[in-house]
Amino acid sequence: MAELQRITTEYVDAEDRIRLNGELGSGHAPVVLWLTQRLLQRLLPVLLKGLQRPEAGADLAYADMLHGFAQQAAQANLLPEPPVQAAQHSAAWLVLSVDIAQSAESVCLTFKAADGRQASLTLAETPLRQWLGIVYHACLKAGWPLQVWPQWLQESRQPAVQPVVVLH
C-alpha cells in the first residue's frame, strides 16, 4: 500500500470533486485521488467526532470554545509549502471508500479504489485539524452543504473583525 507523505487538496469545479495530489516519496510519481461530496459527507462526521472527545465535566459551550481555539492554533501553524504537482503519468482514481484507524495520537485514512488500489495518510491531531480546515474551505468554494461542519470549525475560518477606530 502506498503511504502518502504530503498532500495538496483542492476543489476542481469541472469535476465537482475534491482532488488530493499525494506525494509518495522519492522516486515515485504523485498520485491523484478524487473525493466526492457524498463520500466526504460520510467521512467528515467520523473525523470530527474523533477530535471532539468530551472533556470530563466540560459543558458543550466550553468544549466548543476549546475546539475553536485548537482549530485556530492549528491553522496559524500551517506553513506554506509548494503544492504537490501531479505528473501526466500519475495514477489517478476515484476513492470509493475510506478505512479509518484511530489511535490516541493519530488517525490513519486508507483511501480505496474500485480496482483495489489503496493509499494511506496518517495525521496527528494538528495536521488533521489543518487538513479539515483546508477541506472546509474547498467545500465552501464548491458551494456544498455545510451542515456536517461544527460551528467551532466554521467560526475559526472567519477572519477576525477589526474594530473601527476613528481619531480626531
N, C-alpha and C. Protein backbone atom coordinates (compact mmCIF):
# COMPACT_ATOMS: atom_id res chain seq x y z
N MET A 1 0.84 -1.18 0.00
CA MET A 1 0.00 0.00 0.00
C MET A 1 0.89 1.24 0.00
N ALA A 2 0.48 2.23 -0.76
CA ALA A 2 1.23 3.48 -0.86
C ALA A 2 0.94 4.35 0.36
N GLU A 3 2.01 4.92 0.93
CA GLU A 3 1.88 5.82 2.08
C GLU A 3 2.10 7.25 1.60
N LEU A 4 1.08 8.08 1.73
CA LEU A 4 1.18 9.48 1.31
C LEU A 4 2.02 10.25 2.31
N GLN A 5 3.04 10.94 1.82
CA GLN A 5 3.93 11.73 2.67
C GLN A 5 3.43 13.16 2.83
N ARG A 6 2.83 13.68 1.76
CA ARG A 6 2.39 15.07 1.72
C ARG A 6 1.25 15.14 0.71
N ILE A 7 0.27 16.01 0.95
CA ILE A 7 -0.85 16.13 0.02
C ILE A 7 -1.17 17.60 -0.26
N THR A 8 -1.75 17.82 -1.42
CA THR A 8 -2.35 19.10 -1.77
C THR A 8 -3.82 18.82 -2.05
N THR A 9 -4.68 19.59 -1.41
CA THR A 9 -6.13 19.39 -1.50
C THR A 9 -6.75 20.60 -2.17
N GLU A 10 -7.56 20.36 -3.21
CA GLU A 10 -8.22 21.47 -3.88
C GLU A 10 -9.52 21.01 -4.53
N TYR A 11 -10.46 21.93 -4.61
CA TYR A 11 -11.72 21.67 -5.30
C TYR A 11 -11.52 21.94 -6.78
N VAL A 12 -12.00 21.03 -7.63
CA VAL A 12 -11.91 21.19 -9.08
C VAL A 12 -13.33 21.34 -9.61
N ASP A 13 -13.66 22.54 -10.05
CA ASP A 13 -15.02 22.86 -10.47
C ASP A 13 -15.48 21.98 -11.64
N ALA A 14 -14.63 21.75 -12.62
CA ALA A 14 -15.01 20.98 -13.80
C ALA A 14 -15.40 19.54 -13.44
N GLU A 15 -14.84 19.01 -12.36
CA GLU A 15 -15.15 17.65 -11.91
C GLU A 15 -16.20 17.64 -10.81
N ASP A 16 -16.43 18.78 -10.17
CA ASP A 16 -17.27 18.90 -8.97
C ASP A 16 -16.83 17.88 -7.92
N ARG A 17 -15.53 17.81 -7.73
CA ARG A 17 -14.92 16.89 -6.77
C ARG A 17 -13.71 17.57 -6.13
N ILE A 18 -13.29 16.99 -5.02
CA ILE A 18 -12.06 17.44 -4.39
C ILE A 18 -10.94 16.51 -4.81
N ARG A 19 -9.84 17.12 -5.24
CA ARG A 19 -8.68 16.35 -5.70
C ARG A 19 -7.59 16.41 -4.64
N LEU A 20 -7.05 15.24 -4.32
CA LEU A 20 -5.87 15.14 -3.47
C LEU A 20 -4.71 14.73 -4.36
N ASN A 21 -3.72 15.59 -4.48
CA ASN A 21 -2.47 15.20 -5.13
C ASN A 21 -1.56 14.73 -4.01
N GLY A 22 -1.14 13.49 -4.07
CA GLY A 22 -0.37 12.91 -2.98
C GLY A 22 1.05 12.56 -3.39
N GLU A 23 1.98 12.97 -2.55
CA GLU A 23 3.40 12.67 -2.75
C GLU A 23 3.72 11.38 -2.00
N LEU A 24 4.31 10.43 -2.71
CA LEU A 24 4.60 9.13 -2.12
C LEU A 24 6.01 8.99 -1.59
N GLY A 25 6.88 9.86 -1.94
CA GLY A 25 8.27 9.75 -1.53
C GLY A 25 9.17 9.81 -2.74
N SER A 26 10.46 9.80 -2.51
CA SER A 26 11.42 9.96 -3.60
C SER A 26 11.32 8.81 -4.59
N GLY A 27 11.39 9.18 -5.85
CA GLY A 27 11.39 8.18 -6.91
C GLY A 27 10.01 7.71 -7.35
N HIS A 28 8.96 8.15 -6.70
CA HIS A 28 7.61 7.75 -7.07
C HIS A 28 6.84 8.95 -7.61
N ALA A 29 6.08 8.71 -8.66
CA ALA A 29 5.23 9.77 -9.20
C ALA A 29 4.08 10.03 -8.23
N PRO A 30 3.65 11.27 -8.12
CA PRO A 30 2.50 11.57 -7.26
C PRO A 30 1.25 10.81 -7.73
N VAL A 31 0.32 10.62 -6.83
CA VAL A 31 -0.97 10.01 -7.18
C VAL A 31 -2.05 11.08 -7.05
N VAL A 32 -3.14 10.86 -7.76
CA VAL A 32 -4.27 11.77 -7.72
C VAL A 32 -5.48 10.98 -7.23
N LEU A 33 -6.05 11.44 -6.12
CA LEU A 33 -7.23 10.80 -5.55
C LEU A 33 -8.39 11.78 -5.64
N TRP A 34 -9.52 11.30 -6.12
CA TRP A 34 -10.71 12.13 -6.26
C TRP A 34 -11.71 11.77 -5.17
N LEU A 35 -12.19 12.78 -4.44
CA LEU A 35 -13.16 12.60 -3.37
C LEU A 35 -14.47 13.28 -3.77
N THR A 36 -15.57 12.55 -3.65
CA THR A 36 -16.88 13.12 -3.97
C THR A 36 -17.50 13.76 -2.73
N GLN A 37 -18.48 14.60 -2.98
CA GLN A 37 -19.22 15.22 -1.88
C GLN A 37 -19.89 14.13 -1.04
N ARG A 38 -20.44 13.14 -1.69
CA ARG A 38 -21.13 12.05 -0.98
C ARG A 38 -20.19 11.33 -0.03
N LEU A 39 -18.99 11.01 -0.49
CA LEU A 39 -18.02 10.32 0.36
C LEU A 39 -17.62 11.21 1.54
N LEU A 40 -17.35 12.47 1.28
CA LEU A 40 -16.95 13.38 2.35
C LEU A 40 -18.05 13.56 3.40
N GLN A 41 -19.31 13.57 2.97
CA GLN A 41 -20.42 13.71 3.91
C GLN A 41 -20.48 12.53 4.87
N ARG A 42 -19.90 11.40 4.48
CA ARG A 42 -19.84 10.23 5.36
C ARG A 42 -18.54 10.19 6.17
N LEU A 43 -17.46 10.65 5.58
CA LEU A 43 -16.15 10.61 6.24
C LEU A 43 -16.00 11.68 7.31
N LEU A 44 -16.42 12.89 7.01
CA LEU A 44 -16.17 14.02 7.91
C LEU A 44 -16.76 13.85 9.30
N PRO A 45 -18.01 13.38 9.46
CA PRO A 45 -18.52 13.22 10.82
C PRO A 45 -17.67 12.30 11.69
N VAL A 46 -17.10 11.27 11.11
CA VAL A 46 -16.25 10.35 11.87
C VAL A 46 -14.97 11.06 12.31
N LEU A 47 -14.35 11.80 11.40
CA LEU A 47 -13.12 12.51 11.74
C LEU A 47 -13.37 13.61 12.77
N LEU A 48 -14.45 14.34 12.59
CA LEU A 48 -14.77 15.42 13.53
C LEU A 48 -15.13 14.87 14.91
N LYS A 49 -15.84 13.76 14.94
CA LYS A 49 -16.18 13.14 16.23
C LYS A 49 -14.92 12.70 16.97
N GLY A 50 -13.93 12.21 16.22
CA GLY A 50 -12.67 11.82 16.83
C GLY A 50 -11.94 12.98 17.48
N LEU A 51 -12.10 14.18 16.92
CA LEU A 51 -11.49 15.37 17.51
C LEU A 51 -12.27 15.88 18.72
N GLN A 52 -13.54 15.59 18.75
CA GLN A 52 -14.42 16.15 19.77
C GLN A 52 -14.59 15.24 20.98
N ARG A 53 -13.51 14.63 21.40
CA ARG A 53 -13.59 13.80 22.61
C ARG A 53 -14.03 14.69 23.77
N PRO A 54 -15.07 14.28 24.48
CA PRO A 54 -15.56 15.15 25.56
C PRO A 54 -14.59 15.20 26.73
N GLU A 55 -14.42 16.40 27.24
CA GLU A 55 -13.62 16.59 28.45
C GLU A 55 -14.51 16.26 29.65
N ALA A 56 -13.96 15.59 30.62
CA ALA A 56 -14.75 15.22 31.80
C ALA A 56 -15.30 16.46 32.48
N GLY A 57 -16.62 16.52 32.62
CA GLY A 57 -17.26 17.62 33.32
C GLY A 57 -17.39 18.91 32.52
N ALA A 58 -16.92 18.95 31.29
CA ALA A 58 -16.99 20.18 30.49
C ALA A 58 -18.35 20.31 29.83
N ASP A 59 -18.91 21.52 29.86
CA ASP A 59 -20.18 21.71 29.16
C ASP A 59 -19.90 21.93 27.67
N LEU A 60 -20.95 21.83 26.87
CA LEU A 60 -20.81 21.88 25.42
C LEU A 60 -20.23 23.21 24.93
N ALA A 61 -20.68 24.31 25.48
CA ALA A 61 -20.18 25.62 25.04
C ALA A 61 -18.69 25.77 25.33
N TYR A 62 -18.27 25.31 26.49
CA TYR A 62 -16.86 25.38 26.85
C TYR A 62 -16.03 24.48 25.94
N ALA A 63 -16.52 23.26 25.68
CA ALA A 63 -15.81 22.33 24.79
C ALA A 63 -15.69 22.91 23.39
N ASP A 64 -16.78 23.52 22.88
CA ASP A 64 -16.73 24.14 21.56
C ASP A 64 -15.71 25.27 21.51
N MET A 65 -15.64 26.05 22.58
CA MET A 65 -14.67 27.14 22.65
C MET A 65 -13.24 26.58 22.59
N LEU A 66 -12.98 25.51 23.34
CA LEU A 66 -11.65 24.89 23.32
C LEU A 66 -11.31 24.35 21.94
N HIS A 67 -12.29 23.73 21.28
CA HIS A 67 -12.05 23.22 19.93
C HIS A 67 -11.78 24.36 18.96
N GLY A 68 -12.49 25.46 19.12
CA GLY A 68 -12.25 26.63 18.27
C GLY A 68 -10.84 27.16 18.44
N PHE A 69 -10.38 27.24 19.69
CA PHE A 69 -9.00 27.70 19.94
C PHE A 69 -7.99 26.73 19.34
N ALA A 70 -8.22 25.43 19.51
CA ALA A 70 -7.30 24.43 18.97
C ALA A 70 -7.27 24.50 17.44
N GLN A 71 -8.43 24.74 16.84
CA GLN A 71 -8.50 24.84 15.38
C GLN A 71 -7.76 26.09 14.89
N GLN A 72 -7.96 27.21 15.57
CA GLN A 72 -7.26 28.44 15.19
C GLN A 72 -5.75 28.28 15.34
N ALA A 73 -5.32 27.63 16.41
CA ALA A 73 -3.88 27.41 16.63
C ALA A 73 -3.30 26.53 15.53
N ALA A 74 -4.03 25.48 15.16
CA ALA A 74 -3.55 24.58 14.10
C ALA A 74 -3.42 25.33 12.79
N GLN A 75 -4.40 26.15 12.46
CA GLN A 75 -4.36 26.90 11.21
C GLN A 75 -3.26 27.95 11.23
N ALA A 76 -3.01 28.55 12.39
CA ALA A 76 -1.95 29.54 12.49
C ALA A 76 -0.58 28.91 12.28
N ASN A 77 -0.45 27.63 12.60
CA ASN A 77 0.82 26.93 12.45
C ASN A 77 0.98 26.26 11.09
N LEU A 78 0.03 26.44 10.20
CA LEU A 78 0.10 25.85 8.87
C LEU A 78 1.04 26.70 8.01
N LEU A 79 2.18 26.14 7.69
CA LEU A 79 3.19 26.87 6.91
C LEU A 79 3.00 26.61 5.43
N PRO A 80 3.14 27.65 4.61
CA PRO A 80 3.00 27.45 3.16
C PRO A 80 4.11 26.54 2.63
N GLU A 81 3.72 25.64 1.77
CA GLU A 81 4.66 24.74 1.10
C GLU A 81 4.31 24.72 -0.37
N PRO A 82 5.27 24.36 -1.22
CA PRO A 82 4.91 24.23 -2.64
C PRO A 82 3.90 23.10 -2.80
N PRO A 83 2.90 23.28 -3.67
CA PRO A 83 1.89 22.24 -3.84
C PRO A 83 2.47 20.98 -4.47
N VAL A 84 1.85 19.85 -4.15
CA VAL A 84 2.21 18.59 -4.81
C VAL A 84 1.62 18.67 -6.22
N GLN A 85 2.48 18.55 -7.21
CA GLN A 85 2.06 18.63 -8.61
C GLN A 85 1.92 17.23 -9.18
N ALA A 86 0.75 16.95 -9.72
CA ALA A 86 0.54 15.66 -10.38
C ALA A 86 1.23 15.68 -11.74
N ALA A 87 1.85 14.57 -12.08
CA ALA A 87 2.51 14.44 -13.38
C ALA A 87 1.51 13.87 -14.39
N GLN A 88 1.85 13.99 -15.66
CA GLN A 88 0.99 13.47 -16.73
C GLN A 88 0.74 11.97 -16.55
N HIS A 89 1.73 11.25 -16.06
CA HIS A 89 1.63 9.79 -15.91
C HIS A 89 1.24 9.36 -14.49
N SER A 90 0.78 10.30 -13.68
CA SER A 90 0.38 9.97 -12.31
C SER A 90 -0.85 9.08 -12.31
N ALA A 91 -0.83 8.09 -11.45
CA ALA A 91 -2.02 7.26 -11.27
C ALA A 91 -3.11 8.11 -10.66
N ALA A 92 -4.33 7.93 -11.14
CA ALA A 92 -5.47 8.70 -10.62
C ALA A 92 -6.66 7.76 -10.46
N TRP A 93 -7.38 7.94 -9.36
CA TRP A 93 -8.57 7.13 -9.18
C TRP A 93 -9.60 7.81 -8.30
N LEU A 94 -10.85 7.38 -8.49
CA LEU A 94 -11.96 7.84 -7.67
C LEU A 94 -11.97 7.01 -6.39
N VAL A 95 -11.95 7.68 -5.27
CA VAL A 95 -11.99 6.99 -3.98
C VAL A 95 -13.43 6.57 -3.71
N LEU A 96 -13.63 5.26 -3.54
CA LEU A 96 -14.96 4.73 -3.27
C LEU A 96 -15.22 4.49 -1.79
N SER A 97 -14.14 4.26 -1.04
CA SER A 97 -14.30 4.06 0.40
C SER A 97 -13.03 4.48 1.11
N VAL A 98 -13.18 4.72 2.41
CA VAL A 98 -12.04 5.11 3.25
C VAL A 98 -12.11 4.30 4.53
N ASP A 99 -11.05 3.57 4.82
CA ASP A 99 -10.93 2.89 6.11
C ASP A 99 -10.28 3.87 7.08
N ILE A 100 -10.78 3.88 8.31
CA ILE A 100 -10.28 4.81 9.32
C ILE A 100 -9.78 4.01 10.51
N ALA A 101 -8.52 4.24 10.87
CA ALA A 101 -7.93 3.63 12.07
C ALA A 101 -7.49 4.76 12.98
N GLN A 102 -8.12 4.86 14.14
CA GLN A 102 -7.81 5.94 15.07
C GLN A 102 -7.06 5.41 16.28
N SER A 103 -6.09 6.19 16.71
CA SER A 103 -5.39 5.91 17.97
C SER A 103 -5.43 7.20 18.78
N ALA A 104 -4.86 7.16 19.96
CA ALA A 104 -4.83 8.36 20.80
C ALA A 104 -3.98 9.46 20.16
N GLU A 105 -2.99 9.09 19.34
CA GLU A 105 -2.05 10.06 18.77
C GLU A 105 -2.37 10.50 17.35
N SER A 106 -3.08 9.65 16.58
CA SER A 106 -3.25 9.96 15.16
C SER A 106 -4.45 9.21 14.58
N VAL A 107 -4.73 9.54 13.34
CA VAL A 107 -5.73 8.84 12.56
C VAL A 107 -5.08 8.44 11.24
N CYS A 108 -5.35 7.21 10.81
CA CYS A 108 -4.83 6.73 9.53
C CYS A 108 -6.01 6.52 8.59
N LEU A 109 -5.98 7.21 7.46
CA LEU A 109 -7.02 7.10 6.45
C LEU A 109 -6.48 6.27 5.30
N THR A 110 -7.18 5.22 4.94
CA THR A 110 -6.79 4.40 3.80
C THR A 110 -7.84 4.60 2.71
N PHE A 111 -7.43 5.29 1.65
CA PHE A 111 -8.31 5.60 0.53
C PHE A 111 -8.29 4.43 -0.44
N LYS A 112 -9.48 3.94 -0.82
CA LYS A 112 -9.57 2.73 -1.64
C LYS A 112 -10.32 3.00 -2.94
N ALA A 113 -9.80 2.41 -4.02
CA ALA A 113 -10.43 2.50 -5.33
C ALA A 113 -11.17 1.20 -5.62
N ALA A 114 -12.00 1.20 -6.66
CA ALA A 114 -12.77 0.02 -7.04
C ALA A 114 -11.87 -1.12 -7.48
N ASP A 115 -10.72 -0.80 -8.07
CA ASP A 115 -9.83 -1.84 -8.60
C ASP A 115 -8.83 -2.36 -7.58
N GLY A 116 -8.96 -1.97 -6.33
CA GLY A 116 -8.08 -2.48 -5.28
C GLY A 116 -6.91 -1.58 -4.93
N ARG A 117 -6.68 -0.53 -5.71
CA ARG A 117 -5.59 0.39 -5.36
C ARG A 117 -5.90 1.08 -4.04
N GLN A 118 -4.84 1.35 -3.27
CA GLN A 118 -5.00 1.98 -1.97
C GLN A 118 -3.86 2.95 -1.72
N ALA A 119 -4.17 3.97 -0.96
CA ALA A 119 -3.15 4.90 -0.48
C ALA A 119 -3.56 5.32 0.92
N SER A 120 -2.59 5.37 1.82
CA SER A 120 -2.93 5.74 3.21
C SER A 120 -2.26 7.06 3.59
N LEU A 121 -2.90 7.73 4.52
CA LEU A 121 -2.43 9.01 5.03
C LEU A 121 -2.61 9.00 6.53
N THR A 122 -1.52 9.22 7.26
CA THR A 122 -1.58 9.25 8.72
C THR A 122 -1.39 10.69 9.18
N LEU A 123 -2.31 11.15 10.03
CA LEU A 123 -2.29 12.53 10.51
C LEU A 123 -2.43 12.56 12.02
N ALA A 124 -1.53 13.29 12.67
CA ALA A 124 -1.68 13.58 14.10
C ALA A 124 -2.76 14.65 14.23
N GLU A 125 -3.10 15.03 15.46
CA GLU A 125 -4.23 15.94 15.67
C GLU A 125 -4.05 17.29 14.97
N THR A 126 -2.91 17.93 15.10
CA THR A 126 -2.73 19.25 14.48
C THR A 126 -2.80 19.17 12.96
N PRO A 127 -2.06 18.27 12.30
CA PRO A 127 -2.21 18.17 10.85
C PRO A 127 -3.63 17.78 10.42
N LEU A 128 -4.33 16.97 11.22
CA LEU A 128 -5.72 16.64 10.89
C LEU A 128 -6.58 17.89 10.94
N ARG A 129 -6.42 18.69 11.97
CA ARG A 129 -7.18 19.95 12.06
C ARG A 129 -6.85 20.86 10.87
N GLN A 130 -5.57 20.92 10.50
CA GLN A 130 -5.18 21.75 9.36
C GLN A 130 -5.84 21.26 8.08
N TRP A 131 -5.82 19.93 7.87
CA TRP A 131 -6.41 19.37 6.66
C TRP A 131 -7.92 19.59 6.65
N LEU A 132 -8.58 19.41 7.79
CA LEU A 132 -10.02 19.64 7.85
C LEU A 132 -10.35 21.10 7.53
N GLY A 133 -9.51 22.03 7.97
CA GLY A 133 -9.72 23.44 7.61
C GLY A 133 -9.61 23.66 6.11
N ILE A 134 -8.67 22.98 5.48
CA ILE A 134 -8.50 23.08 4.02
C ILE A 134 -9.70 22.47 3.31
N VAL A 135 -10.15 21.31 3.78
CA VAL A 135 -11.32 20.66 3.17
C VAL A 135 -12.56 21.54 3.35
N TYR A 136 -12.71 22.15 4.51
CA TYR A 136 -13.84 23.06 4.74
C TYR A 136 -13.81 24.20 3.72
N HIS A 137 -12.64 24.78 3.52
CA HIS A 137 -12.51 25.87 2.54
C HIS A 137 -12.87 25.37 1.14
N ALA A 138 -12.46 24.16 0.78
CA ALA A 138 -12.79 23.59 -0.53
C ALA A 138 -14.30 23.37 -0.66
N CYS A 139 -14.94 22.94 0.42
CA CYS A 139 -16.40 22.76 0.40
C CYS A 139 -17.12 24.09 0.25
N LEU A 140 -16.59 25.13 0.88
CA LEU A 140 -17.14 26.48 0.70
C LEU A 140 -17.04 26.91 -0.76
N LYS A 141 -15.87 26.71 -1.33
CA LYS A 141 -15.64 27.07 -2.73
C LYS A 141 -16.58 26.31 -3.65
N ALA A 142 -16.84 25.05 -3.31
CA ALA A 142 -17.71 24.20 -4.13
C ALA A 142 -19.18 24.57 -3.99
N GLY A 143 -19.53 25.26 -2.90
CA GLY A 143 -20.93 25.55 -2.65
C GLY A 143 -21.69 24.35 -2.11
N TRP A 144 -20.94 23.40 -1.53
CA TRP A 144 -21.56 22.20 -0.97
C TRP A 144 -22.20 22.51 0.38
N PRO A 145 -23.19 21.70 0.80
CA PRO A 145 -23.82 21.91 2.11
C PRO A 145 -22.79 21.85 3.24
N LEU A 146 -23.00 22.69 4.24
CA LEU A 146 -22.04 22.80 5.34
C LEU A 146 -22.59 22.27 6.67
N GLN A 147 -23.72 21.58 6.65
CA GLN A 147 -24.32 21.11 7.89
C GLN A 147 -23.42 20.17 8.67
N VAL A 148 -22.56 19.44 8.01
CA VAL A 148 -21.70 18.47 8.68
C VAL A 148 -20.61 19.15 9.52
N TRP A 149 -20.31 20.40 9.21
CA TRP A 149 -19.22 21.12 9.87
C TRP A 149 -19.68 21.73 11.18
N PRO A 150 -18.95 21.50 12.27
CA PRO A 150 -19.33 22.10 13.56
C PRO A 150 -19.10 23.62 13.53
N GLN A 151 -19.84 24.30 14.37
CA GLN A 151 -19.75 25.76 14.44
C GLN A 151 -18.34 26.22 14.78
N TRP A 152 -17.66 25.51 15.68
CA TRP A 152 -16.32 25.94 16.09
C TRP A 152 -15.34 25.93 14.92
N LEU A 153 -15.52 25.02 13.96
CA LEU A 153 -14.62 25.00 12.81
C LEU A 153 -15.01 26.10 11.83
N GLN A 154 -16.29 26.28 11.61
CA GLN A 154 -16.73 27.34 10.70
C GLN A 154 -16.28 28.71 11.19
N GLU A 155 -16.41 28.95 12.47
CA GLU A 155 -16.02 30.25 13.03
C GLU A 155 -14.52 30.45 13.01
N SER A 156 -13.76 29.39 13.11
CA SER A 156 -12.30 29.53 13.11
C SER A 156 -11.78 29.93 11.74
N ARG A 157 -12.57 29.72 10.69
CA ARG A 157 -12.15 30.07 9.34
C ARG A 157 -12.51 31.51 8.98
N GLN A 158 -13.30 32.17 9.81
CA GLN A 158 -13.70 33.54 9.51
C GLN A 158 -12.62 34.51 9.97
N PRO A 159 -12.33 35.51 9.16
CA PRO A 159 -11.33 36.49 9.60
C PRO A 159 -11.84 37.26 10.81
N ALA A 160 -10.93 37.61 11.66
CA ALA A 160 -11.30 38.38 12.85
C ALA A 160 -11.80 39.76 12.41
N VAL A 161 -12.84 40.21 13.04
CA VAL A 161 -13.40 41.53 12.73
C VAL A 161 -12.53 42.58 13.40
N GLN A 162 -12.04 43.50 12.60
CA GLN A 162 -11.21 44.57 13.12
C GLN A 162 -12.10 45.72 13.57
N PRO A 163 -11.92 46.20 14.78
CA PRO A 163 -12.75 47.32 15.24
C PRO A 163 -12.42 48.58 14.44
N VAL A 164 -13.45 49.37 14.21
CA VAL A 164 -13.26 50.63 13.51
C VAL A 164 -12.82 51.68 14.53
N VAL A 165 -11.71 52.31 14.25
CA VAL A 165 -11.18 53.32 15.15
C VAL A 165 -11.13 54.64 14.40
N VAL A 166 -11.73 55.66 15.00
CA VAL A 166 -11.73 56.98 14.40
C VAL A 166 -10.94 57.91 15.31
N LEU A 167 -9.97 58.58 14.75
CA LEU A 167 -9.18 59.55 15.51
C LEU A 167 -9.52 60.95 15.01
N HIS A 168 -9.70 61.86 15.94
CA HIS A 168 -9.99 63.26 15.57
C HIS A 168 -8.87 64.14 16.04
